[in-house]
């Protein structure tokens, strides 16, 4: 039973990091006020504190059927309604590849979800750089400094 509680706790994601789509399937997201039972919170006459941090909602995630893949290549394309992100493994990361890169994973999302993903990734990279130092994305600069 304790193992189930640990698993449940590790799957909770703060609302500002969740990127699971729009609130069209009954989820209480995007600042909807709900109490623990899920009913709407009663409005109060007190003004909200201007400097109070936003409330975080726990999002339950089931990752039991997830397939994990690695990618060192990403291509982003889109249409006016959707963003398409392709992930692949480039076997020749230095220089131009001699054979076509085979796309193995494609994620299609709306721009609202893409913007939430952008914010979550930005926050994660900032935390990583605060601990380990700035990440240089230009491989030629990275190789030249070693």
C-alpha atoms as a PDB file:
ATOM      1  CA  UNK A   1       0.000   0.000   0.000  1.00  0.00           C
ATOM      2  CA  UNK A   2       2.861   2.369   0.784  1.00  0.00           C
ATOM      3  CA  UNK A   3       4.343   1.606  -2.634  1.00  0.00           C
ATOM      4  CA  UNK A   4       1.082   2.701  -4.304  1.00  0.00           C
ATOM      5  CA  UNK A   5       1.161   5.982  -2.360  1.00  0.00           C
ATOM      6  CA  UNK A   6       4.798   6.588  -3.443  1.00  0.00           C
ATOM      7  CA  UNK A   7       3.868   5.908  -7.077  1.00  0.00           C
ATOM      8  CA  UNK A   8       0.888   8.257  -6.829  1.00  0.00           C
ATOM      9  CA  UNK A   9       3.023  11.035  -5.341  1.00  0.00           C
ATOM     10  CA  UNK A  10       5.676  10.782  -8.049  1.00  0.00           C
ATOM     11  CA  UNK A  11       3.044  11.152 -10.761  1.00  0.00           C
ATOM     12  CA  UNK A  12       1.692  14.467  -9.467  1.00  0.00           C
ATOM     13  CA  UNK A  13       2.669  17.417 -11.637  1.00  0.00           C
ATOM     14  CA  UNK A  14       2.230  21.058 -10.665  1.00  0.00           C
ATOM     15  CA  UNK A  15      -0.366  22.756 -12.854  1.00  0.00           C
ATOM     16  CA  UNK A  16       2.168  25.146 -14.359  1.00  0.00           C
ATOM     17  CA  UNK A  17       4.263  22.188 -15.549  1.00  0.00           C
ATOM     18  CA  UNK A  18       1.393  20.040 -16.827  1.00  0.00           C
ATOM     19  CA  UNK A  19       1.116  19.905 -20.596  1.00  0.00           C
ATOM     20  CA  UNK A  20      -1.690  17.422 -21.015  1.00  0.00           C
ATOM     21  CA  UNK A  21      -3.970  19.499 -23.213  1.00  0.00           C
ATOM     22  CA  UNK A  22      -7.013  21.669 -22.847  1.00  0.00           C
ATOM     23  CA  UNK A  23      -9.596  21.338 -20.096  1.00  0.00           C
ATOM     24  CA  UNK A  24     -12.189  19.759 -22.379  1.00  0.00           C
ATOM     25  CA  UNK A  25     -12.571  16.465 -20.548  1.00  0.00           C
ATOM     26  CA  UNK A  26     -13.830  17.808 -17.230  1.00  0.00           C
ATOM     27  CA  UNK A  27     -10.460  18.582 -15.641  1.00  0.00           C
ATOM     28  CA  UNK A  28     -10.219  21.543 -13.304  1.00  0.00           C
ATOM     29  CA  UNK A  29      -7.340  23.399 -14.895  1.00  0.00           C
ATOM     30  CA  UNK A  30      -6.421  26.906 -15.942  1.00  0.00           C
ATOM     31  CA  UNK A  31      -7.176  28.375 -12.520  1.00  0.00           C
ATOM     32  CA  UNK A  32     -10.660  26.943 -11.909  1.00  0.00           C
ATOM     33  CA  UNK A  33     -11.327  27.077  -8.166  1.00  0.00           C
ATOM     34  CA  UNK A  34     -12.253  23.659  -6.814  1.00  0.00           C
ATOM     35  CA  UNK A  35     -12.054  22.171  -3.363  1.00  0.00           C
ATOM     36  CA  UNK A  36     -10.759  18.681  -2.603  1.00  0.00           C
ATOM     37  CA  UNK A  37     -14.161  17.123  -3.282  1.00  0.00           C
ATOM     38  CA  UNK A  38     -14.151  18.645  -6.767  1.00  0.00           C
ATOM     39  CA  UNK A  39     -17.053  21.071  -6.250  1.00  0.00           C
ATOM     40  CA  UNK A  40     -16.759  24.740  -7.081  1.00  0.00           C
ATOM     41  CA  UNK A  41     -15.378  26.840  -4.257  1.00  0.00           C
ATOM     42  CA  UNK A  42     -17.739  29.434  -2.809  1.00  0.00           C
ATOM     43  CA  UNK A  43     -16.781  32.969  -3.792  1.00  0.00           C
ATOM     44  CA  UNK A  44     -15.558  35.149  -0.963  1.00  0.00           C
ATOM     45  CA  UNK A  45     -15.923  38.856  -0.436  1.00  0.00           C
ATOM     46  CA  UNK A  46     -12.264  39.212   0.512  1.00  0.00           C
ATOM     47  CA  UNK A  47      -9.963  40.503  -2.240  1.00  0.00           C
ATOM     48  CA  UNK A  48      -7.256  38.096  -3.350  1.00  0.00           C
ATOM     49  CA  UNK A  49      -3.752  38.953  -2.218  1.00  0.00           C
ATOM     50  CA  UNK A  50      -1.863  40.455  -5.137  1.00  0.00           C
ATOM     51  CA  UNK A  51       1.401  38.768  -4.212  1.00  0.00           C
ATOM     52  CA  UNK A  52      -0.045  35.357  -3.332  1.00  0.00           C
ATOM     53  CA  UNK A  53       1.417  32.512  -5.413  1.00  0.00           C
ATOM     54  CA  UNK A  54      -1.006  30.711  -7.739  1.00  0.00           C
ATOM     55  CA  UNK A  55      -2.530  27.537  -6.359  1.00  0.00           C
ATOM     56  CA  UNK A  56      -1.144  24.292  -7.744  1.00  0.00           C
ATOM     57  CA  UNK A  57      -3.483  21.496  -8.705  1.00  0.00           C
ATOM     58  CA  UNK A  58      -2.308  17.900  -8.566  1.00  0.00           C
ATOM     59  CA  UNK A  59      -2.662  16.138 -11.907  1.00  0.00           C
ATOM     60  CA  UNK A  60      -2.944  12.360 -11.818  1.00  0.00           C
ATOM     61  CA  UNK A  61      -0.852  10.629 -14.492  1.00  0.00           C
ATOM     62  CA  UNK A  62      -0.892   6.953 -15.479  1.00  0.00           C
ATOM     63  CA  UNK A  63       2.415   6.106 -17.139  1.00  0.00           C
ATOM     64  CA  UNK A  64       2.099   2.322 -16.834  1.00  0.00           C
ATOM     65  CA  UNK A  65       1.727   1.834 -20.615  1.00  0.00           C
ATOM     66  CA  UNK A  66       4.382   4.338 -21.719  1.00  0.00           C
ATOM     67  CA  UNK A  67       7.022   3.503 -24.307  1.00  0.00           C
ATOM     68  CA  UNK A  68      10.323   5.320 -23.820  1.00  0.00           C
ATOM     69  CA  UNK A  69      12.482   6.328 -26.778  1.00  0.00           C
ATOM     70  CA  UNK A  70      15.608   8.461 -27.177  1.00  0.00           C
ATOM     71  CA  UNK A  71      15.955  11.281 -29.703  1.00  0.00           C
ATOM     72  CA  UNK A  72      18.873  13.518 -30.620  1.00  0.00           C
ATOM     73  CA  UNK A  73      17.050  15.078 -33.581  1.00  0.00           C
ATOM     74  CA  UNK A  74      13.890  17.152 -33.607  1.00  0.00           C
ATOM     75  CA  UNK A  75      11.973  18.831 -36.441  1.00  0.00           C
ATOM     76  CA  UNK A  76       9.125  21.260 -35.845  1.00  0.00           C
ATOM     77  CA  UNK A  77       6.540  22.033 -38.524  1.00  0.00           C
ATOM     78  CA  UNK A  78       2.947  23.093 -38.323  1.00  0.00           C
ATOM     79  CA  UNK A  79      -0.249  24.467 -39.691  1.00  0.00           C
ATOM     80  CA  UNK A  80      -2.383  27.387 -38.489  1.00  0.00           C
ATOM     81  CA  UNK A  81      -4.163  25.038 -36.036  1.00  0.00           C
ATOM     82  CA  UNK A  82      -1.531  22.483 -34.982  1.00  0.00           C
ATOM     83  CA  UNK A  83       2.139  22.100 -34.258  1.00  0.00           C
ATOM     84  CA  UNK A  84       3.883  18.922 -35.436  1.00  0.00           C
ATOM     85  CA  UNK A  85       7.034  17.804 -33.635  1.00  0.00           C
ATOM     86  CA  UNK A  86       9.012  14.892 -35.112  1.00  0.00           C
ATOM     87  CA  UNK A  87      11.638  13.058 -33.052  1.00  0.00           C
ATOM     88  CA  UNK A  88      14.345  10.779 -34.400  1.00  0.00           C
ATOM     89  CA  UNK A  89      17.766   9.340 -33.791  1.00  0.00           C
ATOM     90  CA  UNK A  90      20.490  10.856 -35.959  1.00  0.00           C
ATOM     91  CA  UNK A  91      23.260   8.224 -36.064  1.00  0.00           C
ATOM     92  CA  UNK A  92      25.682  10.857 -37.378  1.00  0.00           C
ATOM     93  CA  UNK A  93      25.249  13.933 -35.131  1.00  0.00           C
ATOM     94  CA  UNK A  94      28.452  15.626 -36.340  1.00  0.00           C
ATOM     95  CA  UNK A  95      28.217  16.990 -39.876  1.00  0.00           C
ATOM     96  CA  UNK A  96      25.584  16.309 -42.501  1.00  0.00           C
ATOM     97  CA  UNK A  97      23.992  12.851 -42.350  1.00  0.00           C
ATOM     98  CA  UNK A  98      24.797  10.577 -45.293  1.00  0.00           C
ATOM     99  CA  UNK A  99      21.431   8.798 -45.176  1.00  0.00           C
ATOM    100  CA  UNK A 100      17.921  10.095 -44.444  1.00  0.00           C
ATOM    101  CA  UNK A 101      17.001  10.384 -40.760  1.00  0.00           C
ATOM    102  CA  UNK A 102      14.071   8.080 -40.034  1.00  0.00           C
ATOM    103  CA  UNK A 103      11.346   9.752 -37.978  1.00  0.00           C
ATOM    104  CA  UNK A 104      10.220   7.327 -35.262  1.00  0.00           C
ATOM    105  CA  UNK A 105       7.950   9.506 -33.122  1.00  0.00           C
ATOM    106  CA  UNK A 106       5.571  12.307 -34.097  1.00  0.00           C
ATOM    107  CA  UNK A 107       3.648  14.461 -31.647  1.00  0.00           C
ATOM    108  CA  UNK A 108       0.850  16.703 -32.883  1.00  0.00           C
ATOM    109  CA  UNK A 109      -0.518  19.330 -30.519  1.00  0.00           C
ATOM    110  CA  UNK A 110      -2.456  22.563 -30.555  1.00  0.00           C
ATOM    111  CA  UNK A 111      -0.604  25.829 -29.975  1.00  0.00           C
ATOM    112  CA  UNK A 112      -1.990  26.233 -26.445  1.00  0.00           C
ATOM    113  CA  UNK A 113      -0.445  22.927 -25.410  1.00  0.00           C
ATOM    114  CA  UNK A 114       2.765  23.840 -27.259  1.00  0.00           C
ATOM    115  CA  UNK A 115       2.997  27.073 -25.277  1.00  0.00           C
ATOM    116  CA  UNK A 116       2.537  25.191 -21.988  1.00  0.00           C
ATOM    117  CA  UNK A 117       5.187  22.707 -23.104  1.00  0.00           C
ATOM    118  CA  UNK A 118       7.522  25.579 -23.966  1.00  0.00           C
ATOM    119  CA  UNK A 119       7.103  27.058 -20.481  1.00  0.00           C
ATOM    120  CA  UNK A 120       7.656  23.694 -18.761  1.00  0.00           C
ATOM    121  CA  UNK A 121      10.776  22.968 -20.827  1.00  0.00           C
ATOM    122  CA  UNK A 122      12.129  26.483 -20.235  1.00  0.00           C
ATOM    123  CA  UNK A 123      11.694  26.094 -16.482  1.00  0.00           C
ATOM    124  CA  UNK A 124      13.359  22.672 -16.503  1.00  0.00           C
ATOM    125  CA  UNK A 125      16.349  23.882 -18.538  1.00  0.00           C
ATOM    126  CA  UNK A 126      16.767  26.934 -16.284  1.00  0.00           C
ATOM    127  CA  UNK A 127      16.835  24.687 -13.199  1.00  0.00           C
ATOM    128  CA  UNK A 128      19.379  22.392 -14.851  1.00  0.00           C
ATOM    129  CA  UNK A 129      21.615  25.304 -15.882  1.00  0.00           C
ATOM    130  CA  UNK A 130      21.434  26.783 -12.374  1.00  0.00           C
ATOM    131  CA  UNK A 131      22.910  23.557 -10.996  1.00  0.00           C
ATOM    132  CA  UNK A 132      25.232  22.395 -13.794  1.00  0.00           C
ATOM    133  CA  UNK A 133      26.049  25.535 -15.798  1.00  0.00           C
ATOM    134  CA  UNK A 134      24.929  26.974 -19.113  1.00  0.00           C
ATOM    135  CA  UNK A 135      24.208  24.517 -21.921  1.00  0.00           C
ATOM    136  CA  UNK A 136      25.893  25.401 -25.215  1.00  0.00           C
ATOM    137  CA  UNK A 137      23.661  24.251 -28.085  1.00  0.00           C
ATOM    138  CA  UNK A 138      26.168  25.043 -30.849  1.00  0.00           C
ATOM    139  CA  UNK A 139      28.149  21.807 -31.109  1.00  0.00           C
ATOM    140  CA  UNK A 140      31.123  23.490 -32.794  1.00  0.00           C
ATOM    141  CA  UNK A 141      31.512  25.856 -29.818  1.00  0.00           C
ATOM    142  CA  UNK A 142      31.048  22.980 -27.402  1.00  0.00           C
ATOM    143  CA  UNK A 143      33.773  20.901 -29.082  1.00  0.00           C
ATOM    144  CA  UNK A 144      36.137  23.869 -29.441  1.00  0.00           C
ATOM    145  CA  UNK A 145      36.061  24.660 -25.710  1.00  0.00           C
ATOM    146  CA  UNK A 146      37.155  21.165 -24.669  1.00  0.00           C
END
